[in-house]
């Protein structure tokens, strides 16, 4: 898309937010030729590898903090944490 529709590509990138899941302090992957700025890092929770059910793992304080920060970047306020207006 970058070559065939550069305007559309740039428009989509300008509306995109990139996040890293399971961030452990360093980025191990990259996409050659593309410079992506990661706006949010969702922490790696080591207890998850011990077979904790995913539903209970979501209650990790670190993970919840990171998800809240991501939501603030997406929605621009804490409105989403109070239920919001349902219009977004």
N, C-alpha and C. Protein backbone atom coordinates (compact mmCIF):
# COMPACT_ATOMS: atom_id res chain seq x y z
N UNK A 1 0.82 -1.18 0.00
CA UNK A 1 0.00 0.00 0.00
C UNK A 1 0.88 1.26 0.00
N UNK A 2 2.02 1.16 0.65
CA UNK A 2 2.91 2.31 0.72
C UNK A 2 3.33 2.77 -0.68
N UNK A 3 3.56 1.81 -1.58
CA UNK A 3 3.97 2.16 -2.94
C UNK A 3 2.78 2.46 -3.85
N UNK A 4 1.73 1.66 -3.76
CA UNK A 4 0.62 1.79 -4.70
C UNK A 4 -0.37 2.90 -4.31
N UNK A 5 -0.55 3.17 -3.04
CA UNK A 5 -1.48 4.20 -2.56
C UNK A 5 -0.85 4.98 -1.41
N UNK A 6 0.20 5.75 -1.68
CA UNK A 6 0.91 6.41 -0.59
C UNK A 6 0.05 7.36 0.24
N UNK A 7 -0.91 8.05 -0.39
CA UNK A 7 -1.77 8.96 0.38
C UNK A 7 -2.62 8.18 1.38
N UNK A 8 -3.19 7.08 0.94
CA UNK A 8 -4.01 6.26 1.82
C UNK A 8 -3.15 5.65 2.93
N UNK A 9 -1.98 5.20 2.55
CA UNK A 9 -1.05 4.62 3.52
C UNK A 9 -0.72 5.64 4.62
N UNK A 10 -0.37 6.85 4.23
CA UNK A 10 -0.05 7.89 5.20
C UNK A 10 -1.25 8.26 6.05
N UNK A 11 -2.43 8.28 5.45
CA UNK A 11 -3.64 8.59 6.20
C UNK A 11 -3.90 7.53 7.27
N UNK A 12 -3.76 6.27 6.90
CA UNK A 12 -3.98 5.18 7.85
C UNK A 12 -2.94 5.23 8.97
N UNK A 13 -1.68 5.46 8.60
CA UNK A 13 -0.63 5.54 9.63
C UNK A 13 -0.87 6.71 10.58
N UNK A 14 -1.38 7.81 10.07
CA UNK A 14 -1.63 8.96 10.93
C UNK A 14 -2.74 8.69 11.94
N UNK A 15 -3.57 7.69 11.68
CA UNK A 15 -4.67 7.34 12.59
C UNK A 15 -4.37 6.08 13.40
N UNK A 16 -3.16 5.57 13.26
CA UNK A 16 -2.80 4.31 13.92
C UNK A 16 -1.99 4.54 15.17
N UNK A 17 -2.16 3.65 16.13
CA UNK A 17 -1.37 3.65 17.35
C UNK A 17 -0.83 2.23 17.51
N UNK A 18 0.46 2.10 17.67
CA UNK A 18 1.08 0.79 17.79
C UNK A 18 1.45 0.51 19.24
N UNK A 19 1.13 -0.70 19.68
CA UNK A 19 1.42 -1.12 21.05
C UNK A 19 2.20 -2.43 21.01
N UNK A 20 3.04 -2.62 22.02
CA UNK A 20 3.80 -3.85 22.16
C UNK A 20 3.20 -4.63 23.31
N UNK A 21 2.82 -5.88 23.04
CA UNK A 21 2.30 -6.75 24.09
C UNK A 21 3.43 -7.60 24.63
N UNK A 22 3.38 -7.88 25.92
CA UNK A 22 4.40 -8.69 26.60
C UNK A 22 5.77 -8.03 26.54
N UNK A 23 5.82 -6.74 26.81
CA UNK A 23 7.08 -5.99 26.78
C UNK A 23 7.92 -6.35 28.00
N UNK A 24 9.16 -6.76 27.78
CA UNK A 24 10.03 -7.18 28.88
C UNK A 24 11.24 -6.27 29.07
N UNK A 25 11.22 -5.12 28.45
CA UNK A 25 12.32 -4.18 28.62
C UNK A 25 13.11 -3.91 27.37
N UNK A 26 12.97 -4.76 26.37
CA UNK A 26 13.65 -4.53 25.09
C UNK A 26 12.80 -5.08 23.96
N UNK A 27 12.90 -4.44 22.82
CA UNK A 27 12.17 -4.89 21.64
C UNK A 27 13.02 -5.89 20.88
N UNK A 28 12.46 -7.06 20.63
CA UNK A 28 13.21 -8.11 19.95
C UNK A 28 12.85 -8.23 18.48
N UNK A 29 11.82 -7.53 18.05
CA UNK A 29 11.41 -7.66 16.65
C UNK A 29 11.34 -6.28 16.01
N UNK A 30 11.51 -6.29 14.72
CA UNK A 30 11.36 -5.06 13.95
C UNK A 30 10.90 -5.44 12.55
N UNK A 31 10.32 -4.49 11.88
CA UNK A 31 9.87 -4.71 10.51
C UNK A 31 10.84 -3.96 9.60
N UNK A 32 11.59 -4.67 8.78
CA UNK A 32 12.58 -4.01 7.92
C UNK A 32 11.95 -2.96 7.00
N UNK A 33 12.57 -1.81 6.93
CA UNK A 33 12.12 -0.78 6.02
C UNK A 33 10.99 0.08 6.54
N UNK A 34 10.44 -0.26 7.69
CA UNK A 34 9.33 0.51 8.25
C UNK A 34 9.74 1.02 9.62
N UNK A 35 9.61 2.30 9.81
CA UNK A 35 9.92 2.88 11.10
C UNK A 35 8.62 3.08 11.87
N UNK A 36 8.39 2.23 12.85
CA UNK A 36 7.17 2.29 13.64
C UNK A 36 7.52 2.82 15.02
N UNK A 37 6.74 3.78 15.48
CA UNK A 37 6.89 4.30 16.82
C UNK A 37 5.83 3.63 17.69
N UNK A 38 6.28 2.94 18.72
CA UNK A 38 5.36 2.28 19.63
C UNK A 38 4.91 3.26 20.70
N UNK A 39 3.62 3.47 20.79
CA UNK A 39 3.05 4.45 21.71
C UNK A 39 2.76 3.87 23.08
N UNK A 40 2.69 2.54 23.16
CA UNK A 40 2.30 1.92 24.41
C UNK A 40 3.01 0.58 24.56
N UNK A 41 3.33 0.25 25.79
CA UNK A 41 3.97 -1.03 26.10
C UNK A 41 3.13 -1.74 27.15
N UNK A 42 2.68 -2.94 26.81
CA UNK A 42 1.93 -3.76 27.77
C UNK A 42 2.93 -4.74 28.38
N UNK A 43 3.13 -4.63 29.68
CA UNK A 43 4.18 -5.38 30.36
C UNK A 43 4.02 -6.89 30.24
N UNK A 44 5.17 -7.55 30.20
CA UNK A 44 5.20 -9.01 30.25
C UNK A 44 5.01 -9.41 31.71
N UNK A 45 4.07 -10.28 31.97
CA UNK A 45 3.79 -10.74 33.32
C UNK A 45 4.31 -12.17 33.42
N UNK A 46 5.40 -12.37 34.14
CA UNK A 46 6.06 -13.68 34.18
C UNK A 46 5.16 -14.77 34.73
N UNK A 47 4.22 -14.45 35.59
CA UNK A 47 3.31 -15.46 36.15
C UNK A 47 2.45 -16.10 35.06
N UNK A 48 2.28 -15.43 33.93
CA UNK A 48 1.45 -15.97 32.86
C UNK A 48 2.04 -17.25 32.28
N UNK A 49 3.34 -17.38 32.31
CA UNK A 49 3.95 -18.59 31.74
C UNK A 49 3.74 -19.81 32.64
N UNK A 50 3.27 -19.59 33.85
CA UNK A 50 3.06 -20.69 34.80
C UNK A 50 1.66 -21.30 34.68
N UNK A 51 0.96 -20.99 33.61
CA UNK A 51 -0.33 -21.61 33.37
C UNK A 51 -1.51 -20.95 34.07
N UNK A 52 -1.35 -19.73 34.50
CA UNK A 52 -2.47 -19.02 35.11
C UNK A 52 -3.52 -18.79 34.04
N UNK A 53 -4.76 -19.01 34.39
CA UNK A 53 -5.84 -18.80 33.42
C UNK A 53 -5.82 -17.35 32.95
N UNK A 54 -6.06 -17.16 31.66
CA UNK A 54 -6.00 -15.82 31.08
C UNK A 54 -6.94 -14.85 31.77
N UNK A 55 -8.12 -15.29 32.14
CA UNK A 55 -9.09 -14.39 32.77
C UNK A 55 -8.54 -13.81 34.06
N UNK A 56 -7.90 -14.62 34.88
CA UNK A 56 -7.36 -14.11 36.14
C UNK A 56 -6.08 -13.32 35.91
N UNK A 57 -5.34 -13.64 34.86
CA UNK A 57 -4.11 -12.91 34.56
C UNK A 57 -4.39 -11.46 34.21
N UNK A 58 -5.57 -11.17 33.70
CA UNK A 58 -5.93 -9.80 33.33
C UNK A 58 -5.99 -8.88 34.54
N UNK A 59 -6.03 -9.45 35.74
CA UNK A 59 -6.13 -8.65 36.95
C UNK A 59 -4.77 -8.27 37.53
N UNK A 60 -3.71 -8.57 36.82
CA UNK A 60 -2.38 -8.17 37.26
C UNK A 60 -2.33 -6.65 37.34
N UNK A 61 -1.89 -6.08 38.47
CA UNK A 61 -1.82 -4.62 38.60
C UNK A 61 -0.96 -3.96 37.51
N UNK A 62 0.16 -4.59 37.15
CA UNK A 62 1.01 -4.03 36.09
C UNK A 62 0.28 -3.99 34.76
N UNK A 63 -0.38 -5.10 34.42
CA UNK A 63 -1.09 -5.17 33.15
C UNK A 63 -2.25 -4.17 33.12
N UNK A 64 -2.99 -4.08 34.20
CA UNK A 64 -4.10 -3.13 34.25
C UNK A 64 -3.60 -1.69 34.13
N UNK A 65 -2.47 -1.38 34.76
CA UNK A 65 -1.90 -0.03 34.64
C UNK A 65 -1.58 0.28 33.19
N UNK A 66 -0.94 -0.68 32.51
CA UNK A 66 -0.55 -0.47 31.12
C UNK A 66 -1.77 -0.35 30.20
N UNK A 67 -2.79 -1.14 30.44
CA UNK A 67 -4.01 -1.06 29.63
C UNK A 67 -4.70 0.28 29.86
N UNK A 68 -4.72 0.76 31.11
CA UNK A 68 -5.31 2.07 31.38
C UNK A 68 -4.55 3.18 30.65
N UNK A 69 -3.24 3.10 30.63
CA UNK A 69 -2.44 4.10 29.91
C UNK A 69 -2.74 4.04 28.42
N UNK A 70 -2.88 2.83 27.87
CA UNK A 70 -3.23 2.68 26.46
C UNK A 70 -4.60 3.28 26.17
N UNK A 71 -5.57 3.02 27.04
CA UNK A 71 -6.91 3.58 26.85
C UNK A 71 -6.90 5.10 26.90
N UNK A 72 -6.10 5.66 27.80
CA UNK A 72 -6.01 7.12 27.87
C UNK A 72 -5.45 7.70 26.57
N UNK A 73 -4.49 7.00 25.98
CA UNK A 73 -3.94 7.47 24.70
C UNK A 73 -4.97 7.35 23.58
N UNK A 74 -5.77 6.29 23.63
CA UNK A 74 -6.79 6.09 22.60
C UNK A 74 -7.96 7.03 22.74
N UNK A 75 -8.42 7.24 23.97
CA UNK A 75 -9.64 8.00 24.21
C UNK A 75 -9.40 9.40 24.73
N UNK A 76 -8.19 9.70 25.18
CA UNK A 76 -7.85 11.06 25.59
C UNK A 76 -8.37 11.50 26.93
N UNK A 77 -9.04 10.62 27.67
CA UNK A 77 -9.52 10.99 29.00
C UNK A 77 -9.81 9.73 29.79
N UNK A 78 -10.17 9.92 31.05
CA UNK A 78 -10.50 8.78 31.88
C UNK A 78 -11.98 8.42 31.75
N UNK A 79 -12.69 9.09 30.85
CA UNK A 79 -14.12 8.86 30.63
C UNK A 79 -14.43 7.38 30.37
N UNK A 80 -13.54 6.71 29.68
CA UNK A 80 -13.75 5.31 29.34
C UNK A 80 -13.77 4.42 30.59
N UNK A 81 -13.11 4.84 31.66
CA UNK A 81 -13.05 4.04 32.87
C UNK A 81 -14.31 4.19 33.73
N UNK A 82 -15.09 5.21 33.46
CA UNK A 82 -16.32 5.41 34.20
C UNK A 82 -17.53 4.97 33.40
N UNK A 83 -17.30 4.25 32.34
CA UNK A 83 -18.40 3.79 31.53
C UNK A 83 -18.60 4.62 30.28
N UNK A 84 -18.09 5.83 30.27
CA UNK A 84 -18.21 6.68 29.08
C UNK A 84 -19.64 6.97 28.71
N UNK A 85 -19.81 7.52 27.54
CA UNK A 85 -21.14 7.88 27.07
C UNK A 85 -21.68 6.85 26.09
N UNK A 86 -20.85 5.86 25.73
CA UNK A 86 -21.27 4.84 24.80
C UNK A 86 -21.25 5.30 23.35
N UNK A 87 -20.77 6.50 23.09
CA UNK A 87 -20.77 7.05 21.74
C UNK A 87 -19.46 6.85 21.00
N UNK A 88 -18.46 6.32 21.63
CA UNK A 88 -17.15 6.18 20.99
C UNK A 88 -17.03 4.89 20.29
